[in-house]
Amino acid sequence: RQEVVLERMAAEGYITQAERDSIAQQPLKYKRDHAIIGDAPYFVAMIREYLIKQYGENMVFQGGLKVYTTLDLTMQQAAERALAQGM
């Protein structure tokens, strides 16, 4: 992805080819976001932990995995609503 962005920036004139080449040689610096956002965060956290144990963080966060689960989001949301109303 970095290569694509840098190549496009050079092609559009935002950076020179020399700048592009120099930047491409530098290691990427990024901060991994471990926040769980969205639907069924507890379920997502459980799946994420399982996958990390099985395949390691690099594969889970950078491996381009597609994960399919048995979660029925409608039922999950109904259960969460019922729990919230009962408390």
PDB file of N, CA and C in Angstrom:
ATOM      1  N   ARG A   1       0.827  -1.185   0.000  1.00  0.00           N
ATOM      2  CA  ARG A   1       0.000   0.000   0.000  1.00  0.00           C
ATOM      3  C   ARG A   1       0.875   1.255   0.000  1.00  0.00           C
ATOM      4  N   GLN A   2       1.952   1.233   0.767  1.00  0.00           N
ATOM      5  CA  GLN A   2       2.855   2.381   0.815  1.00  0.00           C
ATOM      6  C   GLN A   2       3.393   2.684  -0.578  1.00  0.00           C
ATOM      7  N   GLU A   3       3.785   1.643  -1.282  1.00  0.00           N
ATOM      8  CA  GLU A   3       4.333   1.824  -2.628  1.00  0.00           C
ATOM      9  C   GLU A   3       3.310   2.470  -3.561  1.00  0.00           C
ATOM     10  N   VAL A   4       2.086   2.031  -3.481  1.00  0.00           N
ATOM     11  CA  VAL A   4       1.022   2.570  -4.338  1.00  0.00           C
ATOM     12  C   VAL A   4       0.812   4.051  -4.052  1.00  0.00           C
ATOM     13  N   VAL A   5       0.734   4.388  -2.769  1.00  0.00           N
ATOM     14  CA  VAL A   5       0.507   5.786  -2.383  1.00  0.00           C
ATOM     15  C   VAL A   5       1.678   6.661  -2.816  1.00  0.00           C
ATOM     16  N   LEU A   6       2.895   6.212  -2.552  1.00  0.00           N
ATOM     17  CA  LEU A   6       4.064   7.008  -2.933  1.00  0.00           C
ATOM     18  C   LEU A   6       4.156   7.182  -4.444  1.00  0.00           C
ATOM     19  N   GLU A   7       3.892   6.126  -5.177  1.00  0.00           N
ATOM     20  CA  GLU A   7       3.944   6.206  -6.642  1.00  0.00           C
ATOM     21  C   GLU A   7       2.914   7.202  -7.162  1.00  0.00           C
ATOM     22  N   ARG A   8       1.734   7.161  -6.582  1.00  0.00           N
ATOM     23  CA  ARG A   8       0.669   8.085  -7.002  1.00  0.00           C
ATOM     24  C   ARG A   8       1.029   9.528  -6.654  1.00  0.00           C
ATOM     25  N   MET A   9       1.599   9.742  -5.464  1.00  0.00           N
ATOM     26  CA  MET A   9       2.008  11.091  -5.065  1.00  0.00           C
ATOM     27  C   MET A   9       3.068  11.634  -6.012  1.00  0.00           C
ATOM     28  N   ALA A  10       4.006  10.789  -6.419  1.00  0.00           N
ATOM     29  CA  ALA A  10       5.042  11.217  -7.361  1.00  0.00           C
ATOM     30  C   ALA A  10       4.423  11.506  -8.725  1.00  0.00           C
ATOM     31  N   ALA A  11       3.519  10.656  -9.169  1.00  0.00           N
ATOM     32  CA  ALA A  11       2.878  10.847 -10.474  1.00  0.00           C
ATOM     33  C   ALA A  11       2.063  12.134 -10.518  1.00  0.00           C
ATOM     34  N   GLU A  12       1.455  12.492  -9.387  1.00  0.00           N
ATOM     35  CA  GLU A  12       0.631  13.704  -9.324  1.00  0.00           C
ATOM     36  C   GLU A  12       1.451  14.956  -9.018  1.00  0.00           C
ATOM     37  N   GLY A  13       2.750  14.789  -8.778  1.00  0.00           N
ATOM     38  CA  GLY A  13       3.621  15.933  -8.555  1.00  0.00           C
ATOM     39  C   GLY A  13       3.694  16.430  -7.122  1.00  0.00           C
ATOM     40  N   TYR A  14       3.153  15.679  -6.178  1.00  0.00           N
ATOM     41  CA  TYR A  14       3.215  16.100  -4.784  1.00  0.00           C
ATOM     42  C   TYR A  14       4.602  15.891  -4.193  1.00  0.00           C
ATOM     43  N   ILE A  15       5.314  14.886  -4.689  1.00  0.00           N
ATOM     44  CA  ILE A  15       6.692  14.637  -4.289  1.00  0.00           C
ATOM     45  C   ILE A  15       7.489  14.293  -5.546  1.00  0.00           C
ATOM     46  N   THR A  16       8.808  14.466  -5.449  1.00  0.00           N
ATOM     47  CA  THR A  16       9.656  14.110  -6.588  1.00  0.00           C
ATOM     48  C   THR A  16       9.930  12.606  -6.560  1.00  0.00           C
ATOM     49  N   GLN A  17      10.445  12.097  -7.664  1.00  0.00           N
ATOM     50  CA  GLN A  17      10.791  10.673  -7.714  1.00  0.00           C
ATOM     51  C   GLN A  17      11.896  10.359  -6.706  1.00  0.00           C
ATOM     52  N   ALA A  18      12.829  11.305  -6.528  1.00  0.00           N
ATOM     53  CA  ALA A  18      13.904  11.112  -5.547  1.00  0.00           C
ATOM     54  C   ALA A  18      13.333  11.040  -4.130  1.00  0.00           C
ATOM     55  N   GLU A  19      12.363  11.911  -3.821  1.00  0.00           N
ATOM     56  CA  GLU A  19      11.720  11.871  -2.505  1.00  0.00           C
ATOM     57  C   GLU A  19      10.972  10.549  -2.314  1.00  0.00           C
ATOM     58  N   ARG A  20      10.305  10.131  -3.358  1.00  0.00           N
ATOM     59  CA  ARG A  20       9.565   8.869  -3.323  1.00  0.00           C
ATOM     60  C   ARG A  20      10.500   7.710  -3.011  1.00  0.00           C
ATOM     61  N   ASP A  21      11.642   7.670  -3.706  1.00  0.00           N
ATOM     62  CA  ASP A  21      12.608   6.598  -3.496  1.00  0.00           C
ATOM     63  C   ASP A  21      13.182   6.625  -2.084  1.00  0.00           C
ATOM     64  N   SER A  22      13.464   7.829  -1.587  1.00  0.00           N
ATOM     65  CA  SER A  22      14.017   7.981  -0.249  1.00  0.00           C
ATOM     66  C   SER A  22      13.016   7.526   0.815  1.00  0.00           C
ATOM     67  N   ILE A  23      11.779   7.952   0.670  1.00  0.00           N
ATOM     68  CA  ILE A  23      10.741   7.589   1.641  1.00  0.00           C
ATOM     69  C   ILE A  23      10.480   6.086   1.618  1.00  0.00           C
ATOM     70  N   ALA A  24      10.485   5.499   0.440  1.00  0.00           N
ATOM     71  CA  ALA A  24      10.209   4.065   0.308  1.00  0.00           C
ATOM     72  C   ALA A  24      11.251   3.217   1.033  1.00  0.00           C
ATOM     73  N   GLN A  25      12.452   3.748   1.211  1.00  0.00           N
ATOM     74  CA  GLN A  25      13.517   3.006   1.885  1.00  0.00           C
ATOM     75  C   GLN A  25      13.391   3.039   3.406  1.00  0.00           C
ATOM     76  N   GLN A  26      12.602   3.982   3.933  1.00  0.00           N
ATOM     77  CA  GLN A  26      12.460   4.121   5.378  1.00  0.00           C
ATOM     78  C   GLN A  26      11.441   3.111   5.907  1.00  0.00           C
ATOM     79  N   PRO A  27      11.704   2.562   7.092  1.00  0.00           N
ATOM     80  CA  PRO A  27      10.726   1.628   7.668  1.00  0.00           C
ATOM     81  C   PRO A  27       9.445   2.363   8.058  1.00  0.00           C
ATOM     82  N   LEU A  28       8.329   1.691   7.881  1.00  0.00           N
ATOM     83  CA  LEU A  28       7.049   2.279   8.258  1.00  0.00           C
ATOM     84  C   LEU A  28       6.939   2.372   9.772  1.00  0.00           C
ATOM     85  N   LYS A  29       6.363   3.460  10.238  1.00  0.00           N
ATOM     86  CA  LYS A  29       6.087   3.627  11.661  1.00  0.00           C
ATOM     87  C   LYS A  29       4.576   3.730  11.794  1.00  0.00           C
ATOM     88  N   TYR A  30       4.006   2.858  12.573  1.00  0.00           N
ATOM     89  CA  TYR A  30       2.567   2.892  12.760  1.00  0.00           C
ATOM     90  C   TYR A  30       2.227   2.431  14.165  1.00  0.00           C
ATOM     91  N   LYS A  31       1.052   2.785  14.581  1.00  0.00           N
ATOM     92  CA  LYS A  31       0.568   2.376  15.887  1.00  0.00           C
ATOM     93  C   LYS A  31      -0.631   1.471  15.665  1.00  0.00           C
ATOM     94  N   ARG A  32      -0.546   0.274  16.159  1.00  0.00           N
ATOM     95  CA  ARG A  32      -1.635  -0.680  16.023  1.00  0.00           C
ATOM     96  C   ARG A  32      -2.763  -0.279  16.963  1.00  0.00           C
ATOM     97  N   ASP A  33      -3.961  -0.232  16.437  1.00  0.00           N
ATOM     98  CA  ASP A  33      -5.136   0.113  17.226  1.00  0.00           C
ATOM     99  C   ASP A  33      -5.765  -1.173  17.737  1.00  0.00           C
ATOM    100  N   HIS A  34      -5.692  -1.375  19.043  1.00  0.00           N
ATOM    101  CA  HIS A  34      -6.263  -2.583  19.630  1.00  0.00           C
ATOM    102  C   HIS A  34      -7.684  -2.352  20.131  1.00  0.00           C
ATOM    103  N   ALA A  35      -8.231  -1.178  19.878  1.00  0.00           N
ATOM    104  CA  ALA A  35      -9.586  -0.894  20.344  1.00  0.00           C
ATOM    105  C   ALA A  35     -10.586  -1.763  19.594  1.00  0.00           C
ATOM    106  N   ILE A  36     -11.562  -2.215  20.323  1.00  0.00           N
ATOM    107  CA  ILE A  36     -12.633  -2.993  19.710  1.00  0.00           C
ATOM    108  C   ILE A  36     -13.839  -2.080  19.593  1.00  0.00           C
ATOM    109  N   ILE A  37     -14.245  -1.846  18.377  1.00  0.00           N
ATOM    110  CA  ILE A  37     -15.346  -0.940  18.105  1.00  0.00           C
ATOM    111  C   ILE A  37     -16.375  -1.690  17.288  1.00  0.00           C
ATOM    112  N   GLY A  38     -17.628  -1.385  17.518  1.00  0.00           N
ATOM    113  CA  GLY A  38     -18.654  -1.957  16.660  1.00  0.00           C
ATOM    114  C   GLY A  38     -19.550  -2.943  17.368  1.00  0.00           C
ATOM    115  N   ASP A  39     -20.173  -3.786  16.576  1.00  0.00           N
ATOM    116  CA  ASP A  39     -21.145  -4.739  17.076  1.00  0.00           C
ATOM    117  C   ASP A  39     -20.466  -5.913  17.773  1.00  0.00           C
ATOM    118  N   ALA A  40     -21.092  -6.395  18.830  1.00  0.00           N
ATOM    119  CA  ALA A  40     -20.648  -7.581  19.569  1.00  0.00           C
ATOM    120  C   ALA A  40     -19.175  -7.521  19.973  1.00  0.00           C
ATOM    121  N   PRO A  41     -18.760  -6.480  20.698  1.00  0.00           N
ATOM    122  CA  PRO A  41     -17.334  -6.330  21.017  1.00  0.00           C
ATOM    123  C   PRO A  41     -16.764  -7.486  21.833  1.00  0.00           C
ATOM    124  N   TYR A  42     -17.565  -8.092  22.711  1.00  0.00           N
ATOM    125  CA  TYR A  42     -17.048  -9.209  23.507  1.00  0.00           C
ATOM    126  C   TYR A  42     -16.768 -10.418  22.624  1.00  0.00           C
ATOM    127  N   PHE A  43     -17.646 -10.661  21.681  1.00  0.00           N
ATOM    128  CA  PHE A  43     -17.470 -11.778  20.756  1.00  0.00           C
ATOM    129  C   PHE A  43     -16.240 -11.541  19.882  1.00  0.00           C
ATOM    130  N   VAL A  44     -16.111 -10.315  19.388  1.00  0.00           N
ATOM    131  CA  VAL A  44     -14.960  -9.963  18.553  1.00  0.00           C
ATOM    132  C   VAL A  44     -13.667 -10.132  19.342  1.00  0.00           C
ATOM    133  N   ALA A  45     -13.673  -9.715  20.603  1.00  0.00           N
ATOM    134  CA  ALA A  45     -12.473  -9.850  21.440  1.00  0.00           C
ATOM    135  C   ALA A  45     -12.104 -11.313  21.629  1.00  0.00           C
ATOM    136  N   MET A  46     -13.106 -12.160  21.851  1.00  0.00           N
ATOM    137  CA  MET A  46     -12.852 -13.585  22.041  1.00  0.00           C
ATOM    138  C   MET A  46     -12.249 -14.203  20.774  1.00  0.00           C
ATOM    139  N   ILE A  47     -12.815 -13.870  19.626  1.00  0.00           N
ATOM    140  CA  ILE A  47     -12.306 -14.395  18.357  1.00  0.00           C
ATOM    141  C   ILE A  47     -10.892 -13.887  18.102  1.00  0.00           C
ATOM    142  N   ARG A  48     -10.673 -12.602  18.356  1.00  0.00           N
ATOM    143  CA  ARG A  48      -9.349 -12.011  18.148  1.00  0.00           C
ATOM    144  C   ARG A  48      -8.301 -12.711  19.006  1.00  0.00           C
ATOM    145  N   GLU A  49      -8.606 -12.928  20.287  1.00  0.00           N
ATOM    146  CA  GLU A  49      -7.660 -13.607  21.176  1.00  0.00           C
ATOM    147  C   GLU A  49      -7.364 -15.023  20.691  1.00  0.00           C
ATOM    148  N   TYR A  50      -8.393 -15.730  20.262  1.00  0.00           N
ATOM    149  CA  TYR A  50      -8.206 -17.091  19.757  1.00  0.00           C
ATOM    150  C   TYR A  50      -7.287 -17.092  18.533  1.00  0.00           C
ATOM    151  N   LEU A  51      -7.551 -16.184  17.601  1.00  0.00           N
ATOM    152  CA  LEU A  51      -6.753 -16.131  16.375  1.00  0.00           C
ATOM    153  C   LEU A  51      -5.299 -15.773  16.661  1.00  0.00           C
ATOM    154  N   ILE A  52      -5.075 -14.852  17.593  1.00  0.00           N
ATOM    155  CA  ILE A  52      -3.705 -14.473  17.948  1.00  0.00           C
ATOM    156  C   ILE A  52      -2.963 -15.670  18.533  1.00  0.00           C
ATOM    157  N   LYS A  53      -3.638 -16.431  19.394  1.00  0.00           N
ATOM    158  CA  LYS A  53      -3.003 -17.622  19.970  1.00  0.00           C
ATOM    159  C   LYS A  53      -2.690 -18.658  18.893  1.00  0.00           C
ATOM    160  N   GLN A  54      -3.573 -18.802  17.924  1.00  0.00           N
ATOM    161  CA  GLN A  54      -3.401 -19.807  16.882  1.00  0.00           C
ATOM    162  C   GLN A  54      -2.380 -19.401  15.818  1.00  0.00           C
ATOM    163  N   TYR A  55      -2.417 -18.107  15.404  1.00  0.00           N
ATOM    164  CA  TYR A  55      -1.648 -17.686  14.230  1.00  0.00           C
ATOM    165  C   TYR A  55      -0.639 -16.573  14.489  1.00  0.00           C
ATOM    166  N   GLY A  56      -0.687 -15.934  15.658  1.00  0.00           N
ATOM    167  CA  GLY A  56       0.235 -14.846  15.965  1.00  0.00           C
ATOM    168  C   GLY A  56      -0.315 -13.494  15.529  1.00  0.00           C
ATOM    169  N   GLU A  57       0.188 -12.444  16.183  1.00  0.00           N
ATOM    170  CA  GLU A  57      -0.309 -11.092  15.922  1.00  0.00           C
ATOM    171  C   GLU A  57      -0.078 -10.634  14.489  1.00  0.00           C
ATOM    172  N   ASN A  58       1.097 -10.925  13.937  1.00  0.00           N
ATOM    173  CA  ASN A  58       1.374 -10.461  12.574  1.00  0.00           C
ATOM    174  C   ASN A  58       0.349 -10.978  11.588  1.00  0.00           C
ATOM    175  N   MET A  59       0.035 -12.252  11.666  1.00  0.00           N
ATOM    176  CA  MET A  59      -0.930 -12.827  10.736  1.00  0.00           C
ATOM    177  C   MET A  59      -2.321 -12.238  10.965  1.00  0.00           C
ATOM    178  N   VAL A  60      -2.700 -12.066  12.226  1.00  0.00           N
ATOM    179  CA  VAL A  60      -4.038 -11.567  12.541  1.00  0.00           C
ATOM    180  C   VAL A  60      -4.203 -10.119  12.104  1.00  0.00           C
ATOM    181  N   PHE A  61      -3.205  -9.281  12.371  1.00  0.00           N
ATOM    182  CA  PHE A  61      -3.355  -7.858  12.092  1.00  0.00           C
ATOM    183  C   PHE A  61      -2.854  -7.439  10.718  1.00  0.00           C
ATOM    184  N   GLN A  62      -1.999  -8.247  10.088  1.00  0.00           N
ATOM    185  CA  GLN A  62      -1.434  -7.829   8.810  1.00  0.00           C
ATOM    186  C   GLN A  62      -1.541  -8.891   7.732  1.00  0.00           C
ATOM    187  N   GLY A  63      -2.126 -10.026   8.041  1.00  0.00           N
ATOM    188  CA  GLY A  63      -2.145 -11.138   7.100  1.00  0.00           C
ATOM    189  C   GLY A  63      -3.280 -11.134   6.105  1.00  0.00           C
ATOM    190  N   GLY A  64      -4.190 -10.174   6.218  1.00  0.00           N
ATOM    191  CA  GLY A  64      -5.297 -10.114   5.276  1.00  0.00           C
ATOM    192  C   GLY A  64      -6.297 -11.251   5.443  1.00  0.00           C
ATOM    193  N   LEU A  65      -6.423 -11.752   6.659  1.00  0.00           N
ATOM    194  CA  LEU A  65      -7.333 -12.863   6.910  1.00  0.00           C
ATOM    195  C   LEU A  65      -8.789 -12.443   6.736  1.00  0.00           C
ATOM    196  N   LYS A  66      -9.600 -13.363   6.278  1.00  0.00           N
ATOM    197  CA  LYS A  66     -11.054 -13.198   6.280  1.00  0.00           C
ATOM    198  C   LYS A  66     -11.579 -14.206   7.279  1.00  0.00           C
ATOM    199  N   VAL A  67     -12.319 -13.724   8.258  1.00  0.00           N
ATOM    200  CA  VAL A  67     -12.785 -14.583   9.337  1.00  0.00           C
ATOM    201  C   VAL A  67     -14.305 -14.685   9.268  1.00  0.00           C
ATOM    202  N   TYR A  68     -14.789 -15.905   9.241  1.00  0.00           N
ATOM    203  CA  TYR A  68     -16.223 -16.168   9.232  1.00  0.00           C
ATOM    204  C   TYR A  68     -16.583 -16.840  10.547  1.00  0.00           C
ATOM    205  N   THR A  69     -17.656 -16.377  11.187  1.00  0.00           N
ATOM    206  CA  THR A  69     -18.068 -16.937  12.470  1.00  0.00           C
ATOM    207  C   THR A  69     -19.537 -17.348  12.417  1.00  0.00           C
ATOM    208  N   THR A  70     -19.977 -17.948  13.506  1.00  0.00           N
ATOM    209  CA  THR A  70     -21.369 -18.374  13.618  1.00  0.00           C
ATOM    210  C   THR A  70     -22.232 -17.337  14.314  1.00  0.00           C
ATOM    211  N   LEU A  71     -21.707 -16.160  14.578  1.00  0.00           N
ATOM    212  CA  LEU A  71     -22.453 -15.134  15.298  1.00  0.00           C
ATOM    213  C   LEU A  71     -23.715 -14.745  14.542  1.00  0.00           C
ATOM    214  N   ASP A  72     -24.832 -14.764  15.248  1.00  0.00           N
ATOM    215  CA  ASP A  72     -26.096 -14.244  14.727  1.00  0.00           C
ATOM    216  C   ASP A  72     -26.269 -12.884  15.391  1.00  0.00           C
ATOM    217  N   LEU A  73     -25.954 -11.819  14.670  1.00  0.00           N
ATOM    218  CA  LEU A  73     -25.925 -10.483  15.256  1.00  0.00           C
ATOM    219  C   LEU A  73     -27.291 -10.069  15.792  1.00  0.00           C
ATOM    220  N   THR A  74     -28.359 -10.446  15.117  1.00  0.00           N
ATOM    221  CA  THR A  74     -29.703 -10.107  15.592  1.00  0.00           C
ATOM    222  C   THR A  74     -29.956 -10.735  16.961  1.00  0.00           C
ATOM    223  N   MET A  75     -29.607 -12.003  17.106  1.00  0.00           N
ATOM    224  CA  MET A  75     -29.789 -12.688  18.388  1.00  0.00           C
ATOM    225  C   MET A  75     -28.861 -12.108  19.458  1.00  0.00           C
ATOM    226  N   GLN A  76     -27.642 -11.770  19.081  1.00  0.00           N
ATOM    227  CA  GLN A  76     -26.691 -11.183  20.021  1.00  0.00           C
ATOM    228  C   GLN A  76     -27.225  -9.860  20.554  1.00  0.00           C
ATOM    229  N   GLN A  77     -27.730  -9.022  19.669  1.00  0.00           N
ATOM    230  CA  GLN A  77     -28.261  -7.727  20.087  1.00  0.00           C
ATOM    231  C   GLN A  77     -29.492  -7.900  20.971  1.00  0.00           C
ATOM    232  N   ALA A  78     -30.345  -8.865  20.646  1.00  0.00           N
ATOM    233  CA  ALA A  78     -31.522  -9.132  21.472  1.00  0.00           C
ATOM    234  C   ALA A  78     -31.104  -9.588  22.869  1.00  0.00           C
ATOM    235  N   ALA A  79     -30.102 -10.438  22.946  1.00  0.00           N
ATOM    236  CA  ALA A  79     -29.611 -10.909  24.242  1.00  0.00           C
ATOM    237  C   ALA A  79     -29.019  -9.762  25.053  1.00  0.00           C
ATOM    238  N   GLU A  80     -28.282  -8.883  24.406  1.00  0.00           N
ATOM    239  CA  GLU A  80     -27.695  -7.743  25.110  1.00  0.00           C
ATOM    240  C   GLU A  80     -28.781  -6.801  25.615  1.00  0.00           C
ATOM    241  N   ARG A  81     -29.828  -6.579  24.803  1.00  0.00           N
ATOM    242  CA  ARG A  81     -30.945  -5.728  25.239  1.00  0.00           C
ATOM    243  C   ARG A  81     -31.656  -6.355  26.438  1.00  0.00           C
ATOM    244  N   ALA A  82     -31.895  -7.651  26.375  1.00  0.00           N
ATOM    245  CA  ALA A  82     -32.572  -8.344  27.474  1.00  0.00           C
ATOM    246  C   ALA A  82     -31.750  -8.251  28.752  1.00  0.00           C
ATOM    247  N   LEU A  83     -30.462  -8.421  28.637  1.00  0.00           N
ATOM    248  CA  LEU A  83     -29.581  -8.325  29.795  1.00  0.00           C
ATOM    249  C   LEU A  83     -29.610  -6.917  30.377  1.00  0.00           C
ATOM    250  N   ALA A  84     -29.551  -5.917  29.513  1.00  0.00           N
ATOM    251  CA  ALA A  84     -29.555  -4.526  29.968  1.00  0.00           C
ATOM    252  C   ALA A  84     -30.878  -4.178  30.658  1.00  0.00           C
ATOM    253  N   GLN A  85     -31.981  -4.689  30.159  1.00  0.00           N
ATOM    254  CA  GLN A  85     -33.288  -4.399  30.752  1.00  0.00           C
ATOM    255  C   GLN A  85     -33.458  -5.102  32.095  1.00  0.00           C
ATOM    256  N   GLY A  86     -32.816  -6.228  32.245  1.00  0.00           N
ATOM    257  CA  GLY A  86     -32.927  -6.988  33.487  1.00  0.00           C
ATOM    258  C   GLY A  86     -32.057  -6.466  34.606  1.00  0.00           C
ATOM    259  N   MET A  87     -31.139  -5.594  34.293  1.00  0.00           N
ATOM    260  CA  MET A  87     -30.217  -5.093  35.317  1.00  0.00           C
ATOM    261  C   MET A  87     -30.725  -3.846  35.953  1.00  0.00           C
TER     262      MET A  87
END
